[in-house]
Amino acid sequence: MNEHNPIAQLVNLIQRQWMEKTANKPALRFVRFIIKPEEARVYEGFCKLESSEHGSLPEVFVTQFTDFEDEDTYSAALIKDWLDTYEKSMALVEQVNQRALFAWDPRPFKQLLERNNGTPMDDVLLSLLGSFRNTLPQQHKQLVIALIPRQVSSTKAMKNWIATLLKKGIPTGVKLLVIDHVNVDHFAFHERQFPDMICSIHVPMDLQGAIQKLATTGNPNDPEIMLRKCVFEMGAALKDKDIKRLHRWGQQALDATQRSGNKGLFATAHIMYAGMLFHFKKDPKIPELLERGQRIAKLGVQMKDGACLPLLVQFYGYHGAYAQIRRRFTEAINWFIQQAELAEQHKFSQQSLNAWYQAAELCRRKDSGRYYDVLEKGYKAGLHLSDEEISASIYIYLLRDYYDYAHAHRQHDIVQAIDEKMGRVFGNDWKTDVDTIRKNREPMILPLEMEQTETLQPQK
């Protein structure tokens, strides 16, 4: 890791806090990182780093991203993912064996998993962790299981699951690690419940400062560096609600990128500037930026500038979002449909599904006559997705809604196909689980924030 990288320095800070808070605590079994939501990527990076050969802490970290569906099935899901990962990592196991004997046998746990009839497998999971830990080479006798579920159906149920494992007895030398949020405390326990077994770690960090430092390092006359500086300054102005300062830095972003002659960079400046102004919904500059930026992106596509096609997809979405907040709903629906079709045409799968869902939801509320036609197109757009891709995408909502439509219209083959597909992903209670996930989800009005800064990549 580059020690001069500002983000790497934050990871080093987490490592130091870990060693300070967890050292010489033989009874410790459960560690809770308390973070701000925007810090999640840094902590996930820490866990991934420590789970690799580049980790610097003395413990062996294993990071699991298994979805939490309910407390009765989570242990079995972890065991399954653990065994699958182990099987795929045999080359690494062979490398370890060349340095030190490592003879863990997964077969007993595989057999127990295959025989399981749906009952909780908490005891089997604890046995697996204990046996794996006991097989580790002597210099790595501590094992840390970092749990970062991509989706959690109920934080209360997950806390109950953690409590169950603590009561049953997590094996010596094994620690569970979870990530919790400041002032939320989903997974907090009172010390009296589990004396000496629990630990909470909060690491104060200036993430925004680190990102800005990283993004603006380099030649200050480089148009990309200048754009990044302008974006950060626009963000600071937005935070201070200083619209005049925001416009000043926005114009500087346009000027700097126009001089570069780079169509992709120039179009990016327009969409970033417009995105900032979305927080001032009636600013007359927004449609001007969107229309001009879209024209630049289209010209860039014609000139074979690879950065411009994903930007063009985004511009359609921003046009739709702007029309929506101006309550021009028919226009918004049409923009989202155009975005979906363009993204689908160029195999930007997740972006097309996001746009179909936006269009369908808007039709459901404001133009019911078009709803089922748009919903069906969204349903068909995701038929090629794998189960893993479905579980991590907005397509689960399209499937849930189209299931109801197909059921009401006695389309039994479609009902059965959706039921089988979602049953594999979420289990028998998939409809309840998806409804819960959607209920707890933030509403989508503006285009996804990540699309302001991340380049869309087509599926291979």
Protein backbone atom coordinates (compact mmCIF):
# COMPACT_ATOMS: atom_id res chain seq x y z
CA MET A 1 0.00 0.00 0.00
CA ASN A 2 1.24 3.48 -0.87
CA GLU A 3 1.84 5.12 2.51
CA HIS A 4 1.64 8.58 0.94
CA ASN A 5 -1.86 7.97 -0.41
CA PRO A 6 -4.32 9.91 1.79
CA ILE A 7 -6.85 7.03 1.74
CA ALA A 8 -4.11 4.54 2.61
CA GLN A 9 -3.27 6.74 5.60
CA LEU A 10 -6.88 6.42 6.79
CA VAL A 11 -6.63 2.63 6.50
CA ASN A 12 -3.41 2.78 8.53
CA LEU A 13 -5.31 4.75 11.16
CA ILE A 14 -7.94 1.99 11.35
CA GLN A 15 -5.19 -0.63 11.66
CA ARG A 16 -3.57 1.22 14.56
CA GLN A 17 -6.90 1.63 16.35
CA TRP A 18 -7.64 -2.07 15.86
CA MET A 19 -4.36 -3.11 17.44
CA GLU A 20 -4.82 -0.67 20.31
CA LYS A 21 -8.41 -1.70 21.10
CA THR A 22 -8.20 -5.47 20.61
CA ALA A 23 -4.73 -6.37 21.89
CA ASN A 24 -4.39 -8.45 25.08
CA LYS A 25 -8.11 -9.21 25.32
CA PRO A 26 -8.32 -13.02 25.19
CA ALA A 27 -12.08 -13.03 25.99
CA LEU A 28 -12.94 -10.66 23.11
CA ARG A 29 -15.38 -12.23 20.65
CA PHE A 30 -17.28 -9.37 18.99
CA VAL A 31 -15.94 -6.11 17.53
CA ARG A 32 -18.14 -3.33 16.19
CA PHE A 33 -16.79 -0.57 13.95
CA ILE A 34 -18.88 2.59 14.40
CA ILE A 35 -18.73 4.67 11.22
CA LYS A 36 -20.40 7.43 9.25
CA PRO A 37 -22.23 6.10 6.15
CA GLU A 38 -19.84 7.85 3.77
CA GLU A 39 -16.89 6.01 5.37
CA ALA A 40 -18.22 2.56 4.45
CA ARG A 41 -15.93 2.14 1.42
CA VAL A 42 -12.83 2.86 3.52
CA TYR A 43 -13.76 0.22 6.11
CA GLU A 44 -14.68 -2.27 3.42
CA GLY A 45 -11.27 -1.59 1.88
CA PHE A 46 -9.64 -2.24 5.26
CA CYS A 47 -11.41 -5.60 5.56
CA LYS A 48 -10.52 -6.61 2.00
CA LEU A 49 -6.89 -5.59 2.52
CA GLU A 50 -6.57 -7.58 5.74
CA SER A 51 -8.23 -10.57 4.04
CA SER A 52 -5.48 -10.56 1.40
CA GLU A 53 -1.79 -11.44 1.47
CA HIS A 54 -1.07 -7.70 1.83
CA GLY A 55 -2.70 -7.39 5.26
CA SER A 56 -0.45 -6.19 8.09
CA LEU A 57 -2.39 -7.22 11.22
CA PRO A 58 -1.42 -10.44 13.02
CA GLU A 59 -4.90 -11.96 12.76
CA VAL A 60 -6.24 -13.85 9.75
CA PHE A 61 -9.22 -11.91 8.36
CA VAL A 62 -11.97 -13.53 6.31
CA THR A 63 -14.51 -11.08 4.85
CA GLN A 64 -18.01 -12.39 4.07
CA PHE A 65 -20.55 -10.42 1.99
CA THR A 66 -23.37 -12.94 2.48
CA ASP A 67 -26.85 -11.37 2.46
CA PHE A 68 -28.71 -11.54 5.77
CA GLU A 69 -32.23 -12.82 5.17
CA ASP A 70 -33.23 -14.07 8.63
CA GLU A 71 -31.61 -15.32 11.82
CA ASP A 72 -32.59 -18.96 11.22
CA THR A 73 -30.87 -19.26 7.83
CA TYR A 74 -27.89 -16.89 8.08
CA SER A 75 -25.48 -19.42 9.59
CA ALA A 76 -26.27 -21.90 6.80
CA ALA A 77 -25.80 -19.17 4.18
CA LEU A 78 -22.41 -18.26 5.68
CA ILE A 79 -21.33 -21.91 5.72
CA LYS A 80 -22.32 -22.31 2.07
CA ASP A 81 -20.44 -19.18 0.99
CA TRP A 82 -17.44 -20.17 3.13
CA LEU A 83 -17.23 -23.63 1.53
CA ASP A 84 -17.72 -22.22 -1.98
CA THR A 85 -14.95 -19.66 -1.45
CA TYR A 86 -12.63 -22.29 0.04
CA GLU A 87 -13.19 -24.58 -2.94
CA LYS A 88 -12.38 -21.75 -5.34
CA SER A 89 -9.21 -20.88 -3.37
CA MET A 90 -7.39 -24.21 -3.57
CA ALA A 91 -4.45 -22.66 -5.44
CA LEU A 92 -3.95 -20.27 -2.51
CA VAL A 93 -4.28 -23.17 -0.04
CA GLU A 94 -1.50 -24.99 -1.91
CA GLN A 95 0.73 -21.91 -1.62
CA VAL A 96 0.09 -21.79 2.15
CA ASN A 97 0.90 -25.50 2.42
CA GLN A 98 4.29 -24.86 0.84
CA ARG A 99 5.16 -22.53 3.72
CA ALA A 100 3.41 -24.29 6.61
CA LEU A 101 1.13 -27.26 7.08
CA PHE A 102 -2.55 -26.34 6.65
CA ALA A 103 -4.83 -29.37 6.68
CA TRP A 104 -8.38 -28.15 7.22
CA ASP A 105 -11.00 -30.64 6.07
CA PRO A 106 -14.23 -29.04 4.76
CA ARG A 107 -16.00 -32.36 4.04
CA PRO A 108 -17.80 -32.82 7.38
CA PHE A 109 -19.35 -29.36 7.11
CA LYS A 110 -20.31 -29.89 3.49
CA GLN A 111 -22.11 -33.10 4.46
CA LEU A 112 -23.95 -31.38 7.32
CA LEU A 113 -24.99 -28.55 5.01
CA GLU A 114 -26.32 -31.02 2.42
CA ARG A 115 -28.33 -32.88 5.09
CA ASN A 116 -29.79 -29.73 6.63
CA ASN A 117 -33.58 -29.58 6.47
CA GLY A 118 -33.92 -25.84 7.15
CA THR A 119 -33.11 -25.80 10.87
CA PRO A 120 -30.65 -23.19 12.18
CA MET A 121 -26.99 -24.19 11.77
CA ASP A 122 -25.47 -21.89 14.40
CA ASP A 123 -23.66 -24.74 16.19
CA VAL A 124 -22.26 -26.05 12.90
CA LEU A 125 -20.98 -22.58 11.98
CA LEU A 126 -19.25 -22.20 15.35
CA SER A 127 -17.72 -25.66 14.93
CA LEU A 128 -16.50 -24.73 11.44
CA LEU A 129 -14.90 -21.51 12.69
CA GLY A 130 -13.26 -23.30 15.60
CA SER A 131 -11.86 -26.08 13.42
CA PHE A 132 -10.59 -23.63 10.81
CA ARG A 133 -8.91 -21.52 13.47
CA ASN A 134 -7.26 -24.58 15.05
CA THR A 135 -5.81 -25.55 11.66
CA LEU A 136 -4.13 -22.18 11.07
CA PRO A 137 -0.31 -22.05 11.28
CA GLN A 138 0.94 -21.21 14.78
CA GLN A 139 1.90 -17.63 13.98
CA HIS A 140 -1.66 -16.89 12.83
CA LYS A 141 -3.74 -18.36 15.63
CA GLN A 142 -6.39 -15.60 15.69
CA LEU A 143 -9.27 -15.54 13.20
CA VAL A 144 -11.51 -12.53 12.45
CA ILE A 145 -14.75 -12.96 10.48
CA ALA A 146 -15.74 -9.60 8.98
CA LEU A 147 -19.46 -9.62 8.16
CA ILE A 148 -20.44 -7.04 5.52
CA PRO A 149 -23.79 -8.25 4.13
CA ARG A 150 -24.76 -6.58 0.87
CA GLN A 151 -28.37 -6.63 2.02
CA VAL A 152 -29.89 -6.95 5.51
CA SER A 153 -33.61 -7.70 5.74
CA SER A 154 -33.73 -6.79 9.46
CA THR A 155 -30.96 -5.31 11.60
CA LYS A 156 -32.91 -6.40 14.71
CA ALA A 157 -32.91 -10.01 13.53
CA MET A 158 -29.19 -9.82 12.72
CA LYS A 159 -28.48 -8.48 16.20
CA ASN A 160 -30.46 -11.42 17.65
CA TRP A 161 -28.33 -13.78 15.54
CA ILE A 162 -25.11 -12.24 16.88
CA ALA A 163 -26.42 -12.51 20.45
CA THR A 164 -27.25 -16.18 19.88
CA LEU A 165 -23.67 -16.92 18.79
CA LEU A 166 -22.24 -15.00 21.74
CA LYS A 167 -24.45 -16.95 24.16
CA LYS A 168 -23.61 -20.31 22.57
CA GLY A 169 -19.91 -19.48 22.77
CA ILE A 170 -17.80 -18.24 19.88
CA PRO A 171 -14.63 -20.39 19.87
CA THR A 172 -11.41 -19.20 21.47
CA GLY A 173 -9.31 -17.16 19.08
CA VAL A 174 -12.26 -16.25 16.84
CA LYS A 175 -13.80 -12.78 16.61
CA LEU A 176 -16.82 -11.50 14.69
CA LEU A 177 -16.52 -8.02 13.18
CA VAL A 178 -19.48 -5.93 12.00
CA ILE A 179 -19.92 -2.36 10.78
CA ASP A 180 -22.46 -0.11 12.53
CA HIS A 181 -23.41 3.54 12.04
CA VAL A 182 -22.85 6.50 14.35
CA ASN A 183 -25.94 7.41 16.43
CA VAL A 184 -27.82 4.35 15.15
CA ASP A 185 -26.25 1.45 17.09
CA HIS A 186 -28.01 -1.40 15.30
CA PHE A 187 -25.63 -3.96 16.80
CA ALA A 188 -24.77 -2.43 20.16
CA PHE A 189 -24.83 -4.60 23.31
CA HIS A 190 -24.47 -3.53 26.91
CA GLU A 191 -21.21 -4.59 28.50
CA ARG A 192 -23.17 -6.34 31.29
CA GLN A 193 -24.69 -8.75 28.75
CA PHE A 194 -21.33 -10.06 27.58
CA PRO A 195 -18.55 -8.97 29.99
CA ASP A 196 -15.14 -8.56 28.31
CA MET A 197 -16.49 -10.13 25.09
CA ILE A 198 -17.45 -7.01 23.15
CA CYS A 199 -15.60 -3.96 21.87
CA SER A 200 -16.63 -0.87 19.88
CA ILE A 201 -14.16 1.10 17.77
CA HIS A 202 -14.77 4.58 16.35
CA VAL A 203 -11.99 6.16 14.32
CA PRO A 204 -12.42 9.94 13.71
CA MET A 205 -11.27 10.69 10.18
CA ASP A 206 -11.35 13.52 7.66
CA LEU A 207 -12.50 11.48 4.68
CA GLN A 208 -13.57 14.45 2.57
CA GLY A 209 -10.19 16.09 3.08
CA ALA A 210 -8.40 12.88 2.11
CA ILE A 211 -10.49 12.47 -1.04
CA GLN A 212 -9.93 16.08 -2.04
CA LYS A 213 -6.20 15.79 -1.42
CA LEU A 214 -6.04 12.60 -3.47
CA ALA A 215 -8.16 13.95 -6.32
CA THR A 216 -6.29 17.24 -6.68
CA THR A 217 -2.76 15.86 -6.43
CA GLY A 218 -0.82 16.46 -9.62
CA ASN A 219 -0.26 19.20 -12.19
CA PRO A 220 -2.61 22.08 -11.24
CA ASN A 221 -2.86 23.04 -14.93
CA ASP A 222 -4.11 19.60 -15.93
CA PRO A 223 -7.79 20.01 -16.97
CA GLU A 224 -8.81 16.87 -15.04
CA ILE A 225 -7.14 18.15 -11.86
CA MET A 226 -8.74 21.57 -12.40
CA LEU A 227 -12.17 19.94 -12.84
CA ARG A 228 -11.77 17.95 -9.64
CA LYS A 229 -10.80 21.08 -7.73
CA CYS A 230 -13.84 22.89 -9.12
CA VAL A 231 -16.12 20.00 -8.15
CA PHE A 232 -14.86 20.01 -4.57
CA GLU A 233 -15.26 23.79 -4.38
CA MET A 234 -18.80 23.49 -5.76
CA GLY A 235 -19.51 20.88 -3.12
CA ALA A 236 -18.23 23.20 -0.39
CA ALA A 237 -20.37 26.03 -1.76
CA LEU A 238 -23.40 23.73 -1.82
CA LYS A 239 -22.79 22.75 1.78
CA ASP A 240 -22.70 26.46 2.70
CA LYS A 241 -25.79 27.12 0.51
CA ASP A 242 -23.79 29.77 -1.33
CA ILE A 243 -25.33 29.71 -4.81
CA LYS A 244 -23.18 32.57 -6.17
CA ARG A 245 -19.96 30.75 -5.21
CA LEU A 246 -21.29 27.53 -6.68
CA HIS A 247 -21.97 29.28 -10.01
CA ARG A 248 -18.49 30.84 -9.96
CA TRP A 249 -16.76 27.48 -9.57
CA GLY A 250 -19.17 25.83 -12.01
CA GLN A 251 -18.25 28.36 -14.69
CA GLN A 252 -14.54 27.79 -13.96
CA ALA A 253 -15.12 24.05 -14.50
CA LEU A 254 -16.73 24.77 -17.87
CA ASP A 255 -13.96 27.15 -18.92
CA ALA A 256 -11.13 24.79 -17.92
CA THR A 257 -12.59 21.75 -19.65
CA GLN A 258 -13.60 23.65 -22.81
CA ARG A 259 -10.00 24.79 -23.26
CA SER A 260 -8.86 21.17 -23.08
CA GLY A 261 -10.72 20.23 -26.27
CA ASN A 262 -11.76 16.98 -24.58
CA LYS A 263 -15.48 16.41 -25.28
CA GLY A 264 -15.86 13.85 -22.52
CA LEU A 265 -14.33 16.15 -19.93
CA PHE A 266 -16.36 19.13 -21.14
CA ALA A 267 -19.62 17.13 -20.99
CA THR A 268 -18.66 15.85 -17.53
CA ALA A 269 -18.27 19.43 -16.28
CA HIS A 270 -21.81 20.20 -17.47
CA ILE A 271 -23.38 17.20 -15.76
CA MET A 272 -21.47 17.75 -12.52
CA TYR A 273 -22.41 21.44 -12.43
CA ALA A 274 -26.06 20.65 -13.22
CA GLY A 275 -26.09 17.91 -10.59
CA MET A 276 -24.98 20.38 -7.92
CA LEU A 277 -27.72 22.80 -8.98
CA PHE A 278 -30.40 20.12 -8.56
CA HIS A 279 -30.36 21.07 -4.89
CA PHE A 280 -31.67 24.49 -6.01
CA LYS A 281 -34.53 23.04 -8.05
CA LYS A 282 -35.69 26.20 -9.78
CA ASP A 283 -32.31 27.47 -10.94
CA PRO A 284 -32.73 28.40 -14.63
CA LYS A 285 -29.17 27.28 -15.39
CA ILE A 286 -30.06 23.57 -14.98
CA PRO A 287 -31.89 22.99 -18.33
CA GLU A 288 -29.30 25.06 -20.16
CA LEU A 289 -26.47 22.88 -18.77
CA LEU A 290 -28.33 19.65 -19.50
CA GLU A 291 -29.19 20.57 -23.08
CA ARG A 292 -25.73 21.90 -23.89
CA GLY A 293 -23.97 19.01 -22.16
CA GLN A 294 -26.11 16.47 -24.00
CA ARG A 295 -25.22 18.04 -27.35
CA ILE A 296 -21.52 17.88 -26.45
CA ALA A 297 -21.83 14.23 -25.39
CA LYS A 298 -23.62 13.33 -28.65
CA LEU A 299 -20.87 15.05 -30.65
CA GLY A 300 -18.28 13.14 -28.60
CA VAL A 301 -20.01 9.85 -29.41
CA GLN A 302 -19.87 10.71 -33.12
CA MET A 303 -16.14 11.46 -32.69
CA LYS A 304 -15.63 8.03 -31.02
CA ASP A 305 -14.81 9.51 -27.60
CA GLY A 306 -15.38 6.47 -25.37
CA ALA A 307 -16.26 8.57 -22.31
CA CYS A 308 -19.22 10.25 -24.02
CA LEU A 309 -21.62 7.32 -24.48
CA PRO A 310 -22.07 6.63 -20.75
CA LEU A 311 -22.37 10.37 -20.19
CA LEU A 312 -25.11 10.54 -22.80
CA VAL A 313 -27.01 7.81 -20.92
CA GLN A 314 -26.69 9.89 -17.74
CA PHE A 315 -27.93 13.06 -19.43
CA TYR A 316 -31.20 11.34 -20.35
CA GLY A 317 -31.63 10.40 -16.69
CA TYR A 318 -30.91 13.93 -15.50
CA HIS A 319 -33.40 15.35 -18.00
CA GLY A 320 -35.99 12.92 -16.61
CA ALA A 321 -35.21 13.83 -13.03
CA TYR A 322 -35.41 17.55 -13.79
CA ALA A 323 -38.77 17.14 -15.52
CA GLN A 324 -39.97 15.12 -12.54
CA ILE A 325 -39.07 17.73 -9.93
CA ARG A 326 -40.74 20.34 -12.16
CA ARG A 327 -43.83 18.07 -12.10
CA ARG A 328 -43.80 17.51 -15.86
CA PHE A 329 -44.46 13.82 -15.38
CA THR A 330 -45.22 12.72 -18.97
CA GLU A 331 -42.00 14.37 -20.13
CA ALA A 332 -40.08 12.72 -17.27
CA ILE A 333 -41.42 9.28 -18.16
CA ASN A 334 -40.38 9.75 -21.80
CA TRP A 335 -36.85 10.77 -20.78
CA PHE A 336 -36.47 7.74 -18.49
CA ILE A 337 -37.72 5.42 -21.24
CA GLN A 338 -35.21 6.91 -23.70
CA GLN A 339 -32.47 6.44 -21.10
CA ALA A 340 -33.51 2.82 -20.54
CA GLU A 341 -33.58 2.02 -24.25
CA LEU A 342 -30.21 3.66 -24.93
CA ALA A 343 -28.58 1.93 -21.95
CA GLU A 344 -30.10 -1.41 -22.97
CA GLN A 345 -28.95 -0.97 -26.55
CA HIS A 346 -25.34 -0.55 -25.38
CA LYS A 347 -25.53 -3.24 -22.67
CA PHE A 348 -25.39 -0.90 -19.68
CA SER A 349 -27.59 -3.40 -17.90
CA GLN A 350 -27.97 -1.94 -14.42
CA GLN A 351 -28.47 1.57 -15.73
CA SER A 352 -31.23 0.41 -18.09
CA LEU A 353 -33.00 -1.38 -15.23
CA ASN A 354 -32.74 1.69 -13.00
CA ALA A 355 -34.31 3.79 -15.75
CA TRP A 356 -37.09 1.25 -16.47
CA TYR A 357 -37.91 1.18 -12.77
CA GLN A 358 -37.98 4.98 -12.59
CA ALA A 359 -40.29 5.11 -15.59
CA ALA A 360 -42.55 2.33 -14.29
CA GLU A 361 -42.89 3.87 -10.83
CA LEU A 362 -43.73 7.25 -12.31
CA CYS A 363 -46.31 5.63 -14.62
CA ARG A 364 -47.85 3.79 -11.68
CA ARG A 365 -48.37 7.06 -9.81
CA LYS A 366 -49.02 9.53 -12.63
CA ASP A 367 -49.89 7.72 -15.88
CA SER A 368 -51.44 4.34 -15.06
CA GLY A 369 -52.43 3.67 -18.67
CA ARG A 370 -48.76 3.16 -19.60
CA TYR A 371 -47.74 1.34 -16.43
CA TYR A 372 -47.97 -2.31 -17.45
CA ASP A 373 -46.39 -1.77 -20.85
CA VAL A 374 -43.36 -0.05 -19.26
CA LEU A 375 -43.22 -2.60 -16.42
CA GLU A 376 -43.16 -5.46 -18.93
CA LYS A 377 -40.28 -3.88 -20.84
CA GLY A 378 -38.35 -3.52 -17.58
CA TYR A 379 -39.09 -7.15 -16.72
CA LYS A 380 -37.83 -8.37 -20.09
CA ALA A 381 -34.71 -6.17 -19.89
CA GLY A 382 -33.42 -8.15 -16.91
CA LEU A 383 -34.23 -11.72 -17.97
CA HIS A 384 -30.57 -12.40 -18.79
CA LEU A 385 -29.30 -11.55 -15.28
CA SER A 386 -27.74 -14.20 -13.08
CA ASP A 387 -29.11 -14.82 -9.59
CA GLU A 388 -26.18 -12.91 -8.07
CA GLU A 389 -26.77 -9.93 -10.36
CA ILE A 390 -30.48 -9.96 -9.52
CA SER A 391 -29.87 -9.92 -5.77
CA ALA A 392 -27.69 -6.80 -6.03
CA SER A 393 -29.90 -4.79 -8.39
CA ILE A 394 -33.12 -2.84 -8.59
CA TYR A 395 -34.47 -5.61 -10.80
CA ILE A 396 -35.89 -7.33 -7.71
CA TYR A 397 -38.57 -4.61 -7.55
CA LEU A 398 -39.46 -5.02 -11.22
CA LEU A 399 -39.79 -8.77 -10.70
CA ARG A 400 -41.91 -8.26 -7.59
CA ASP A 401 -44.31 -5.90 -9.38
CA TYR A 402 -44.49 -7.93 -12.58
CA TYR A 403 -45.24 -11.06 -10.53
CA ASP A 404 -48.39 -9.37 -9.20
CA TYR A 405 -49.38 -8.32 -12.72
CA ALA A 406 -48.80 -11.81 -14.15
CA HIS A 407 -50.66 -13.42 -11.24
CA ALA A 408 -53.66 -11.13 -11.72
CA HIS A 409 -53.75 -11.95 -15.45
CA ARG A 410 -53.32 -15.72 -14.91
CA GLN A 411 -49.98 -15.86 -16.73
CA HIS A 412 -49.02 -19.02 -14.87
CA ASP A 413 -45.74 -19.74 -16.68
CA ILE A 414 -44.39 -16.26 -15.85
CA VAL A 415 -45.61 -16.52 -12.25
CA GLN A 416 -43.84 -19.87 -11.87
CA ALA A 417 -40.62 -18.62 -13.52
CA ILE A 418 -40.44 -15.54 -11.27
CA ASP A 419 -41.29 -17.59 -8.19
CA GLU A 420 -38.52 -20.09 -8.92
CA LYS A 421 -35.97 -17.38 -9.73
CA MET A 422 -36.68 -15.26 -6.65
CA GLY A 423 -37.00 -18.35 -4.47
CA ARG A 424 -33.41 -19.23 -5.34
CA VAL A 425 -32.24 -15.72 -4.51
CA PHE A 426 -34.27 -14.94 -1.36
CA GLY A 427 -36.01 -18.15 -0.27
CA ASN A 428 -39.70 -19.03 0.00
CA ASP A 429 -40.67 -15.72 1.63
CA TRP A 430 -39.11 -13.68 -1.14
CA LYS A 431 -42.13 -11.41 -1.66
CA THR A 432 -42.11 -10.31 1.99
CA ASP A 433 -38.33 -9.84 1.93
CA VAL A 434 -38.40 -7.68 -1.21
CA ASP A 435 -41.28 -5.61 0.17
CA THR A 436 -39.27 -5.02 3.36
CA ILE A 437 -36.14 -4.04 1.44
CA ARG A 438 -38.11 -1.62 -0.72
CA LYS A 439 -39.88 -0.13 2.30
CA ASN A 440 -36.56 0.64 3.99
CA ARG A 441 -34.99 2.01 0.83
CA GLU A 442 -34.44 5.71 0.18
CA PRO A 443 -36.79 7.08 -2.53
CA MET A 444 -35.26 7.58 -5.99
CA ILE A 445 -35.92 11.06 -7.30
CA LEU A 446 -32.59 12.32 -8.57
CA PRO A 447 -30.32 10.08 -10.65
CA LEU A 448 -28.05 7.86 -8.59
CA GLU A 449 -25.29 9.87 -6.91
CA MET A 450 -22.63 7.38 -8.00
CA GLU A 451 -23.40 8.18 -11.61
CA GLN A 452 -22.01 11.67 -11.09
CA THR A 453 -18.52 10.37 -10.55
CA GLU A 454 -18.28 6.81 -11.84
CA THR A 455 -18.01 5.86 -15.49
CA LEU A 456 -20.63 3.37 -16.67
CA GLN A 457 -19.16 0.14 -17.91
CA PRO A 458 -20.96 -2.11 -20.40
CA GLN A 459 -21.49 -5.74 -19.50
CA LYS A 460 -19.22 -8.18 -21.27
